[in-house]
Amino acid sequence: MSEFYIQLYSPHGLIRAQEPEIGRDKDTGGQVKYVLELLENLSRHPQVRKVDLLTRRIADKRVSSSYENEIETVNEKARIIRISCGGNSYRPKETLWEHLDEFIDKTLRFIEQESDVPDVVHGHYADGNYLASQVSEIYGIPFIATGHSLGRNKKAILLAEGMSEEKINEKFNMERRIRTEEEVLRSADIFVVSTQHIIDSQYRQYENFRAAKFEVIPPGVTPETFYPFYRLDMPSFNMSVEQEQALYRINSDIDRFLFQPNKPLILSIGRA
């Protein structure tokens, strides 16, 4: 059985495994949660020998010093690797584009130092997909892409709100983002999306839409966190879903007639 070394790329935002600061700012949101959970779950897979999440190293007094650590061990198979680029300050993602080639150069140096070339790379968002696509091309390895959100869709919304095209490009580096997204649609070996609706409603706006190799992977769920409410009243022994539902319905019906349902049951049988 083959064992894979996977690299995930998500350069923007504040990423750490311990107490992630989800929601701290616009760049540290759902994508950060997504890549951290992907990192951990991939590390549990028996065919994965190692998985690294590569993000940007930040040494800025405005944020925690934990983002300065070049390597953060998550578990015995998973790490967060922080690569320096564009100085030390924490930057909005729109300002990172001109520094991504520096990120690539230092990533190649890291790979050579480790003497361990990944078997597959997986990019996230346009910036992470750019990084992963370049590493894929250099080493001739498979490239998986996930968009998370799309530039053409955001541009259409901003135009509808009255922002000029010139201002959109100036503020969000939109031309570079859309150009990268077009190239990634063509070059990725697999393009992961969560629903067919996203393909039909958003990706059809792109010229390279038909060249993309889409794979619909619906979002998962953590059963330890999200479960049917009636399980709170269930006994500790294992039951099937059908048994749980039946017991809940029975208890609900009985409780309507009991003033003190927690007391022991008294069975009274009489004869007329």
C-alpha atoms as a PDB file:
ATOM      1  CA  MET A   1       0.000   0.000   0.000  1.00  0.00           C
ATOM      2  CA  SER A   2       1.441   3.364  -1.068  1.00  0.00           C
ATOM      3  CA  GLU A   3       1.867   6.064   1.546  1.00  0.00           C
ATOM      4  CA  PHE A   4       1.629   9.690   0.462  1.00  0.00           C
ATOM      5  CA  TYR A   5       3.254  12.935   1.517  1.00  0.00           C
ATOM      6  CA  ILE A   6       0.773  15.769   0.919  1.00  0.00           C
ATOM      7  CA  GLN A   7       1.401  19.507   1.024  1.00  0.00           C
ATOM      8  CA  LEU A   8      -1.477  21.965   1.512  1.00  0.00           C
ATOM      9  CA  TYR A   9      -1.009  25.631   0.547  1.00  0.00           C
ATOM     10  CA  SER A  10      -2.964  28.452   2.215  1.00  0.00           C
ATOM     11  CA  PRO A  11      -0.713  31.512   2.596  1.00  0.00           C
ATOM     12  CA  HIS A  12      -3.051  34.223   3.893  1.00  0.00           C
ATOM     13  CA  GLY A  13      -4.677  34.758   7.281  1.00  0.00           C
ATOM     14  CA  LEU A  14      -3.612  33.685  10.758  1.00  0.00           C
ATOM     15  CA  ILE A  15      -3.192  29.922  10.925  1.00  0.00           C
ATOM     16  CA  ARG A  16      -2.295  27.893  13.994  1.00  0.00           C
ATOM     17  CA  ALA A  17      -3.520  24.565  15.324  1.00  0.00           C
ATOM     18  CA  GLN A  18      -3.883  25.560  18.967  1.00  0.00           C
ATOM     19  CA  GLU A  19      -6.791  27.948  19.635  1.00  0.00           C
ATOM     20  CA  PRO A  20      -7.144  29.242  16.060  1.00  0.00           C
ATOM     21  CA  GLU A  21      -8.407  32.825  15.948  1.00  0.00           C
ATOM     22  CA  ILE A  22     -11.320  32.169  13.606  1.00  0.00           C
ATOM     23  CA  GLY A  23     -13.174  35.406  12.846  1.00  0.00           C
ATOM     24  CA  ARG A  24     -10.434  37.740  14.057  1.00  0.00           C
ATOM     25  CA  ASP A  25     -10.365  39.425  10.636  1.00  0.00           C
ATOM     26  CA  LYS A  26     -11.655  38.918   7.092  1.00  0.00           C
ATOM     27  CA  ASP A  27      -8.699  36.708   6.140  1.00  0.00           C
ATOM     28  CA  THR A  28      -9.037  34.361   9.121  1.00  0.00           C
ATOM     29  CA  GLY A  29     -12.404  32.753   8.564  1.00  0.00           C
ATOM     30  CA  GLY A  30     -13.946  29.604   7.171  1.00  0.00           C
ATOM     31  CA  GLN A  31     -11.015  28.741   4.928  1.00  0.00           C
ATOM     32  CA  VAL A  32      -8.669  28.611   7.920  1.00  0.00           C
ATOM     33  CA  LYS A  33     -11.071  26.262   9.697  1.00  0.00           C
ATOM     34  CA  TYR A  34     -11.326  24.173   6.526  1.00  0.00           C
ATOM     35  CA  VAL A  35      -7.586  23.703   5.988  1.00  0.00           C
ATOM     36  CA  LEU A  36      -6.909  22.954   9.660  1.00  0.00           C
ATOM     37  CA  GLU A  37      -9.571  20.245   9.734  1.00  0.00           C
ATOM     38  CA  LEU A  38      -8.351  18.888   6.394  1.00  0.00           C
ATOM     39  CA  LEU A  39      -4.802  18.759   7.759  1.00  0.00           C
ATOM     40  CA  GLU A  40      -5.843  16.815  10.842  1.00  0.00           C
ATOM     41  CA  ASN A  41      -8.158  14.418   9.041  1.00  0.00           C
ATOM     42  CA  LEU A  42      -5.670  13.645   6.276  1.00  0.00           C
ATOM     43  CA  SER A  43      -3.108  12.793   8.946  1.00  0.00           C
ATOM     44  CA  ARG A  44      -5.463  10.089  10.241  1.00  0.00           C
ATOM     45  CA  HIS A  45      -5.669   8.358   6.878  1.00  0.00           C
ATOM     46  CA  PRO A  46      -3.648   5.115   6.802  1.00  0.00           C
ATOM     47  CA  GLN A  47      -2.283   5.865   3.313  1.00  0.00           C
ATOM     48  CA  VAL A  48      -0.893   9.266   4.353  1.00  0.00           C
ATOM     49  CA  ARG A  49       2.581   9.156   5.895  1.00  0.00           C
ATOM     50  CA  LYS A  50       2.927  12.927   6.300  1.00  0.00           C
ATOM     51  CA  VAL A  51       0.920  16.079   5.596  1.00  0.00           C
ATOM     52  CA  ASP A  52       2.173  19.669   5.860  1.00  0.00           C
ATOM     53  CA  LEU A  53       0.159  22.881   5.697  1.00  0.00           C
ATOM     54  CA  LEU A  54       2.281  25.695   4.271  1.00  0.00           C
ATOM     55  CA  THR A  55       1.310  29.236   5.197  1.00  0.00           C
ATOM     56  CA  ARG A  56       3.038  32.582   5.666  1.00  0.00           C
ATOM     57  CA  ARG A  57       5.311  33.275   8.624  1.00  0.00           C
ATOM     58  CA  ILE A  58       4.380  36.473  10.495  1.00  0.00           C
ATOM     59  CA  ALA A  59       6.474  38.342  13.075  1.00  0.00           C
ATOM     60  CA  ASP A  60       4.290  41.302  13.970  1.00  0.00           C
ATOM     61  CA  LYS A  61       3.610  42.772  17.430  1.00  0.00           C
ATOM     62  CA  ARG A  62      -0.039  43.206  16.459  1.00  0.00           C
ATOM     63  CA  VAL A  63      -0.531  39.429  16.438  1.00  0.00           C
ATOM     64  CA  SER A  64       0.542  36.489  18.573  1.00  0.00           C
ATOM     65  CA  SER A  65       4.184  35.411  18.527  1.00  0.00           C
ATOM     66  CA  SER A  66       2.964  31.867  17.777  1.00  0.00           C
ATOM     67  CA  TYR A  67       2.801  32.851  14.088  1.00  0.00           C
ATOM     68  CA  GLU A  68       6.587  33.337  14.107  1.00  0.00           C
ATOM     69  CA  ASN A  69       7.311  29.640  14.633  1.00  0.00           C
ATOM     70  CA  GLU A  70       8.625  28.158  11.406  1.00  0.00           C
ATOM     71  CA  ILE A  71       7.379  24.666  12.222  1.00  0.00           C
ATOM     72  CA  GLU A  72       4.367  23.820  14.385  1.00  0.00           C
ATOM     73  CA  THR A  73       3.848  20.132  15.080  1.00  0.00           C
ATOM     74  CA  VAL A  74       0.159  19.218  15.098  1.00  0.00           C
ATOM     75  CA  ASN A  75       0.588  15.475  15.572  1.00  0.00           C
ATOM     76  CA  GLU A  76       3.089  12.800  14.593  1.00  0.00           C
ATOM     77  CA  LYS A  77       2.072  13.042  10.917  1.00  0.00           C
ATOM     78  CA  ALA A  78       0.920  16.657  10.531  1.00  0.00           C
ATOM     79  CA  ARG A  79       2.744  19.994  10.679  1.00  0.00           C
ATOM     80  CA  ILE A  80       2.177  23.657   9.905  1.00  0.00           C
ATOM     81  CA  ILE A  81       5.138  25.086   7.971  1.00  0.00           C
ATOM     82  CA  ARG A  82       5.502  28.876   7.954  1.00  0.00           C
ATOM     83  CA  ILE A  83       7.382  30.424   5.039  1.00  0.00           C
ATOM     84  CA  SER A  84       8.647  34.026   5.189  1.00  0.00           C
ATOM     85  CA  CYS A  85       7.792  36.332   2.293  1.00  0.00           C
ATOM     86  CA  GLY A  86       7.039  40.018   1.863  1.00  0.00           C
ATOM     87  CA  GLY A  87       8.631  41.029   5.156  1.00  0.00           C
ATOM     88  CA  ASN A  88       7.400  40.275   8.650  1.00  0.00           C
ATOM     89  CA  SER A  89       4.223  42.366   8.917  1.00  0.00           C
ATOM     90  CA  TYR A  90       0.776  40.819   8.825  1.00  0.00           C
ATOM     91  CA  ARG A  91      -0.658  41.692   5.411  1.00  0.00           C
ATOM     92  CA  PRO A  92      -4.115  41.521   3.811  1.00  0.00           C
ATOM     93  CA  LYS A  93      -4.240  38.760   1.212  1.00  0.00           C
ATOM     94  CA  GLU A  94      -4.671  41.247  -1.653  1.00  0.00           C
ATOM     95  CA  THR A  95      -1.153  42.614  -1.007  1.00  0.00           C
ATOM     96  CA  LEU A  96       0.570  39.221  -1.057  1.00  0.00           C
ATOM     97  CA  TRP A  97       0.506  38.588  -4.804  1.00  0.00           C
ATOM     98  CA  GLU A  98       3.807  40.332  -5.576  1.00  0.00           C
ATOM     99  CA  HIS A  99       5.519  38.267  -2.868  1.00  0.00           C
ATOM    100  CA  LEU A 100       4.285  34.784  -3.809  1.00  0.00           C
ATOM    101  CA  ASP A 101       7.292  33.998  -6.013  1.00  0.00           C
ATOM    102  CA  GLU A 102       9.491  34.591  -2.959  1.00  0.00           C
ATOM    103  CA  PHE A 103       7.254  32.129  -1.095  1.00  0.00           C
ATOM    104  CA  ILE A 104       7.828  29.583  -3.876  1.00  0.00           C
ATOM    105  CA  ASP A 105      11.613  30.027  -3.838  1.00  0.00           C
ATOM    106  CA  LYS A 106      11.752  29.473  -0.086  1.00  0.00           C
ATOM    107  CA  THR A 107       9.354  26.534  -0.314  1.00  0.00           C
ATOM    108  CA  LEU A 108      11.662  24.835  -2.824  1.00  0.00           C
ATOM    109  CA  ARG A 109      14.561  25.452  -0.448  1.00  0.00           C
ATOM    110  CA  PHE A 110      12.537  23.889   2.390  1.00  0.00           C
ATOM    111  CA  ILE A 111      11.712  20.818   0.293  1.00  0.00           C
ATOM    112  CA  GLU A 112      15.372  20.346  -0.643  1.00  0.00           C
ATOM    113  CA  GLN A 113      16.464  20.746   2.987  1.00  0.00           C
ATOM    114  CA  GLU A 114      13.961  18.098   4.036  1.00  0.00           C
ATOM    115  CA  SER A 115      15.016  15.838   1.137  1.00  0.00           C
ATOM    116  CA  ASP A 116      11.363  14.915   0.780  1.00  0.00           C
ATOM    117  CA  VAL A 117       9.391  15.875  -2.322  1.00  0.00           C
ATOM    118  CA  PRO A 118       5.609  15.763  -1.827  1.00  0.00           C
ATOM    119  CA  ASP A 119       3.584  13.213  -3.773  1.00  0.00           C
ATOM    120  CA  VAL A 120       0.717  15.656  -4.267  1.00  0.00           C
ATOM    121  CA  VAL A 121       0.057  19.360  -3.616  1.00  0.00           C
ATOM    122  CA  HIS A 122      -3.329  20.902  -2.766  1.00  0.00           C
ATOM    123  CA  GLY A 123      -3.867  24.643  -3.122  1.00  0.00           C
ATOM    124  CA  HIS A 124      -6.545  26.727  -1.416  1.00  0.00           C
ATOM    125  CA  TYR A 125      -7.971  30.011  -2.748  1.00  0.00           C
ATOM    126  CA  ALA A 126      -6.338  31.737  -5.724  1.00  0.00           C
ATOM    127  CA  ASP A 127      -3.064  32.522  -3.930  1.00  0.00           C
ATOM    128  CA  GLY A 128      -2.614  29.014  -2.537  1.00  0.00           C
ATOM    129  CA  ASN A 129      -3.538  27.506  -5.897  1.00  0.00           C
ATOM    130  CA  TYR A 130      -0.880  29.627  -7.589  1.00  0.00           C
ATOM    131  CA  LEU A 131       1.746  28.336  -5.164  1.00  0.00           C
ATOM    132  CA  ALA A 132       0.661  24.713  -5.509  1.00  0.00           C
ATOM    133  CA  SER A 133       0.521  24.923  -9.308  1.00  0.00           C
ATOM    134  CA  GLN A 134       4.114  26.169  -9.491  1.00  0.00           C
ATOM    135  CA  VAL A 135       5.439  23.465  -7.162  1.00  0.00           C
ATOM    136  CA  SER A 136       3.462  20.889  -9.148  1.00  0.00           C
ATOM    137  CA  GLU A 137       5.021  22.047 -12.408  1.00  0.00           C
ATOM    138  CA  ILE A 138       8.560  22.093 -11.021  1.00  0.00           C
ATOM    139  CA  TYR A 139       8.415  18.579  -9.552  1.00  0.00           C
ATOM    140  CA  GLY A 140       5.951  17.015 -11.988  1.00  0.00           C
ATOM    141  CA  ILE A 141       3.506  15.980  -9.266  1.00  0.00           C
ATOM    142  CA  PRO A 142      -0.325  16.014  -9.138  1.00  0.00           C
ATOM    143  CA  PHE A 143      -2.043  19.289  -8.300  1.00  0.00           C
ATOM    144  CA  ILE A 144      -5.415  19.516  -6.513  1.00  0.00           C
ATOM    145  CA  ALA A 145      -7.179  22.883  -6.307  1.00  0.00           C
ATOM    146  CA  THR A 146      -9.974  24.294  -4.143  1.00  0.00           C
ATOM    147  CA  GLY A 147     -11.289  27.782  -4.900  1.00  0.00           C
ATOM    148  CA  HIS A 148     -13.220  28.632  -1.690  1.00  0.00           C
ATOM    149  CA  SER A 149     -14.440  31.823  -3.413  1.00  0.00           C
ATOM    150  CA  LEU A 150     -14.080  33.273  -6.905  1.00  0.00           C
ATOM    151  CA  GLY A 151     -12.878  36.580  -8.268  1.00  0.00           C
ATOM    152  CA  ARG A 152     -15.377  36.897 -11.117  1.00  0.00           C
ATOM    153  CA  ASN A 153     -18.272  36.384  -8.725  1.00  0.00           C
ATOM    154  CA  LYS A 154     -16.925  38.960  -6.256  1.00  0.00           C
ATOM    155  CA  LYS A 155     -16.221  41.427  -9.062  1.00  0.00           C
ATOM    156  CA  ALA A 156     -19.814  41.172 -10.314  1.00  0.00           C
ATOM    157  CA  ILE A 157     -21.133  41.874  -6.812  1.00  0.00           C
ATOM    158  CA  LEU A 158     -18.852  44.897  -6.346  1.00  0.00           C
ATOM    159  CA  LEU A 159     -19.805  46.311  -9.749  1.00  0.00           C
ATOM    160  CA  ALA A 160     -23.486  45.928  -8.858  1.00  0.00           C
ATOM    161  CA  GLU A 161     -22.804  47.853  -5.646  1.00  0.00           C
ATOM    162  CA  GLY A 162     -21.404  50.748  -7.660  1.00  0.00           C
ATOM    163  CA  MET A 163     -17.636  50.287  -7.331  1.00  0.00           C
ATOM    164  CA  SER A 164     -15.706  51.032 -10.521  1.00  0.00           C
ATOM    165  CA  GLU A 165     -13.645  48.357 -12.265  1.00  0.00           C
ATOM    166  CA  GLU A 166     -10.508  50.445 -11.764  1.00  0.00           C
ATOM    167  CA  LYS A 167     -11.144  50.729  -8.019  1.00  0.00           C
ATOM    168  CA  ILE A 168     -11.902  47.008  -7.740  1.00  0.00           C
ATOM    169  CA  ASN A 169      -8.597  46.085  -9.331  1.00  0.00           C
ATOM    170  CA  GLU A 170      -6.688  48.646  -7.281  1.00  0.00           C
ATOM    171  CA  LYS A 171      -8.141  47.477  -3.963  1.00  0.00           C
ATOM    172  CA  PHE A 172      -8.425  43.725  -4.549  1.00  0.00           C
ATOM    173  CA  ASN A 173      -5.777  42.988  -7.217  1.00  0.00           C
ATOM    174  CA  MET A 174      -8.680  41.424  -9.097  1.00  0.00           C
ATOM    175  CA  GLU A 175      -7.118  41.069 -12.553  1.00  0.00           C
ATOM    176  CA  ARG A 176      -4.240  39.029 -11.155  1.00  0.00           C
ATOM    177  CA  ARG A 177      -6.629  36.882  -9.134  1.00  0.00           C
ATOM    178  CA  ILE A 178      -8.965  36.125 -12.045  1.00  0.00           C
ATOM    179  CA  ARG A 179      -6.041  35.429 -14.384  1.00  0.00           C
ATOM    180  CA  THR A 180      -4.687  32.924 -11.867  1.00  0.00           C
ATOM    181  CA  GLU A 181      -8.090  31.288 -11.418  1.00  0.00           C
ATOM    182  CA  GLU A 182      -8.412  30.827 -15.195  1.00  0.00           C
ATOM    183  CA  GLU A 183      -5.001  29.164 -15.353  1.00  0.00           C
ATOM    184  CA  VAL A 184      -5.722  26.920 -12.367  1.00  0.00           C
ATOM    185  CA  LEU A 185      -8.971  25.688 -13.921  1.00  0.00           C
ATOM    186  CA  ARG A 186      -6.926  24.515 -16.881  1.00  0.00           C
ATOM    187  CA  SER A 187      -3.914  23.082 -15.045  1.00  0.00           C
ATOM    188  CA  ALA A 188      -5.314  21.392 -11.913  1.00  0.00           C
ATOM    189  CA  ASP A 189      -5.558  17.596 -12.034  1.00  0.00           C
ATOM    190  CA  ILE A 190      -8.623  17.800  -9.777  1.00  0.00           C
ATOM    191  CA  PHE A 191     -10.669  20.870  -8.883  1.00  0.00           C
ATOM    192  CA  VAL A 192     -12.613  20.269  -5.670  1.00  0.00           C
ATOM    193  CA  VAL A 193     -16.012  21.924  -5.194  1.00  0.00           C
ATOM    194  CA  SER A 194     -18.683  21.336  -2.558  1.00  0.00           C
ATOM    195  CA  THR A 195     -21.774  21.285  -4.801  1.00  0.00           C
ATOM    196  CA  GLN A 196     -22.809  20.958  -8.436  1.00  0.00           C
ATOM    197  CA  HIS A 197     -24.689  24.231  -8.002  1.00  0.00           C
ATOM    198  CA  ILE A 198     -21.406  26.108  -7.508  1.00  0.00           C
ATOM    199  CA  ILE A 199     -20.102  24.689 -10.780  1.00  0.00           C
ATOM    200  CA  ASP A 200     -23.245  25.699 -12.658  1.00  0.00           C
ATOM    201  CA  SER A 201     -23.750  29.123 -11.088  1.00  0.00           C
ATOM    202  CA  GLN A 202     -20.186  30.406 -10.597  1.00  0.00           C
ATOM    203  CA  TYR A 203     -17.545  28.495 -12.547  1.00  0.00           C
ATOM    204  CA  ARG A 204     -19.443  28.821 -15.832  1.00  0.00           C
ATOM    205  CA  GLN A 205     -18.359  32.472 -15.821  1.00  0.00           C
ATOM    206  CA  TYR A 206     -14.794  31.357 -16.598  1.00  0.00           C
ATOM    207  CA  GLU A 207     -13.336  30.801 -20.062  1.00  0.00           C
ATOM    208  CA  ASN A 208     -11.562  27.613 -18.934  1.00  0.00           C
ATOM    209  CA  PHE A 209     -14.690  26.203 -17.298  1.00  0.00           C
ATOM    210  CA  ARG A 210     -14.945  23.250 -19.684  1.00  0.00           C
ATOM    211  CA  ALA A 211     -11.281  22.353 -19.271  1.00  0.00           C
ATOM    212  CA  ALA A 212     -11.608  21.902 -15.504  1.00  0.00           C
ATOM    213  CA  LYS A 213     -11.704  18.434 -13.948  1.00  0.00           C
ATOM    214  CA  PHE A 214     -14.275  19.090 -11.236  1.00  0.00           C
ATOM    215  CA  GLU A 215     -14.839  16.734  -8.318  1.00  0.00           C
ATOM    216  CA  VAL A 216     -17.864  17.386  -6.100  1.00  0.00           C
ATOM    217  CA  ILE A 217     -17.029  16.557  -2.467  1.00  0.00           C
ATOM    218  CA  PRO A 218     -19.852  17.697  -0.143  1.00  0.00           C
ATOM    219  CA  PRO A 219     -18.844  19.233   3.186  1.00  0.00           C
ATOM    220  CA  GLY A 220     -18.536  16.723   6.004  1.00  0.00           C
ATOM    221  CA  VAL A 221     -19.834  16.834   9.549  1.00  0.00           C
ATOM    222  CA  THR A 222     -18.255  16.179  12.943  1.00  0.00           C
ATOM    223  CA  PRO A 223     -20.607  13.665  14.634  1.00  0.00           C
ATOM    224  CA  GLU A 224     -19.030  14.300  18.044  1.00  0.00           C
ATOM    225  CA  THR A 225     -20.264  17.895  17.793  1.00  0.00           C
ATOM    226  CA  PHE A 226     -23.385  17.647  15.658  1.00  0.00           C
ATOM    227  CA  TYR A 227     -25.882  14.879  16.451  1.00  0.00           C
ATOM    228  CA  PRO A 228     -29.672  14.448  16.847  1.00  0.00           C
ATOM    229  CA  PHE A 229     -30.975  16.360  19.864  1.00  0.00           C
ATOM    230  CA  TYR A 230     -32.772  13.300  21.232  1.00  0.00           C
ATOM    231  CA  ARG A 231     -29.455  11.560  21.940  1.00  0.00           C
ATOM    232  CA  LEU A 232     -29.104  13.742  25.017  1.00  0.00           C
ATOM    233  CA  ASP A 233     -31.854  11.646  26.624  1.00  0.00           C
ATOM    234  CA  MET A 234     -30.575   8.277  25.400  1.00  0.00           C
ATOM    235  CA  PRO A 235     -28.987   5.551  27.549  1.00  0.00           C
ATOM    236  CA  SER A 236     -25.235   5.129  27.175  1.00  0.00           C
ATOM    237  CA  PHE A 237     -25.388   1.748  25.396  1.00  0.00           C
ATOM    238  CA  ASN A 238     -25.234   1.621  21.607  1.00  0.00           C
ATOM    239  CA  MET A 239     -28.480   1.694  19.668  1.00  0.00           C
ATOM    240  CA  SER A 240     -29.376   1.995  16.030  1.00  0.00           C
ATOM    241  CA  VAL A 241     -30.828   5.264  14.733  1.00  0.00           C
ATOM    242  CA  GLU A 242     -34.233   3.571  14.446  1.00  0.00           C
ATOM    243  CA  GLN A 243     -34.081   2.427  18.097  1.00  0.00           C
ATOM    244  CA  GLU A 244     -33.060   5.904  19.270  1.00  0.00           C
ATOM    245  CA  GLN A 245     -35.948   7.527  17.428  1.00  0.00           C
ATOM    246  CA  ALA A 246     -38.457   4.942  18.693  1.00  0.00           C
ATOM    247  CA  LEU A 247     -37.317   5.336  22.299  1.00  0.00           C
ATOM    248  CA  TYR A 248     -37.498   9.114  22.043  1.00  0.00           C
ATOM    249  CA  ARG A 249     -41.070   8.978  20.728  1.00  0.00           C
ATOM    250  CA  ILE A 250     -42.126   6.540  23.477  1.00  0.00           C
ATOM    251  CA  ASN A 251     -40.561   8.700  26.190  1.00  0.00           C
ATOM    252  CA  SER A 252     -42.192  11.828  24.769  1.00  0.00           C
ATOM    253  CA  ASP A 253     -45.633  10.188  24.855  1.00  0.00           C
ATOM    254  CA  ILE A 254     -45.212   8.820  28.392  1.00  0.00           C
ATOM    255  CA  ASP A 255     -43.839  12.078  29.806  1.00  0.00           C
ATOM    256  CA  ARG A 256     -47.067  13.877  28.911  1.00  0.00           C
ATOM    257  CA  PHE A 257     -48.900  11.904  31.634  1.00  0.00           C
ATOM    258  CA  LEU A 258     -46.246  11.966  34.384  1.00  0.00           C
ATOM    259  CA  PHE A 259     -45.780  14.737  36.938  1.00  0.00           C
ATOM    260  CA  GLN A 260     -42.451  13.357  38.189  1.00  0.00           C
ATOM    261  CA  PRO A 261     -41.027  11.214  35.361  1.00  0.00           C
ATOM    262  CA  ASN A 262     -37.655  10.753  37.090  1.00  0.00           C
ATOM    263  CA  LYS A 263     -39.155   8.729  39.948  1.00  0.00           C
ATOM    264  CA  PRO A 264     -39.349   4.900  39.762  1.00  0.00           C
ATOM    265  CA  LEU A 265     -42.303   3.522  37.836  1.00  0.00           C
ATOM    266  CA  ILE A 266     -45.161   1.891  39.826  1.00  0.00           C
ATOM    267  CA  LEU A 267     -47.246  -0.556  37.872  1.00  0.00           C
ATOM    268  CA  SER A 268     -50.782  -0.813  39.198  1.00  0.00           C
ATOM    269  CA  ILE A 269     -53.133  -3.483  37.864  1.00  0.00           C
ATOM    270  CA  GLY A 270     -56.728  -3.647  38.993  1.00  0.00           C
ATOM    271  CA  ARG A 271     -59.815  -5.725  38.282  1.00  0.00           C
ATOM    272  CA  ALA A 272     -63.349  -4.535  38.198  1.00  0.00           C
END
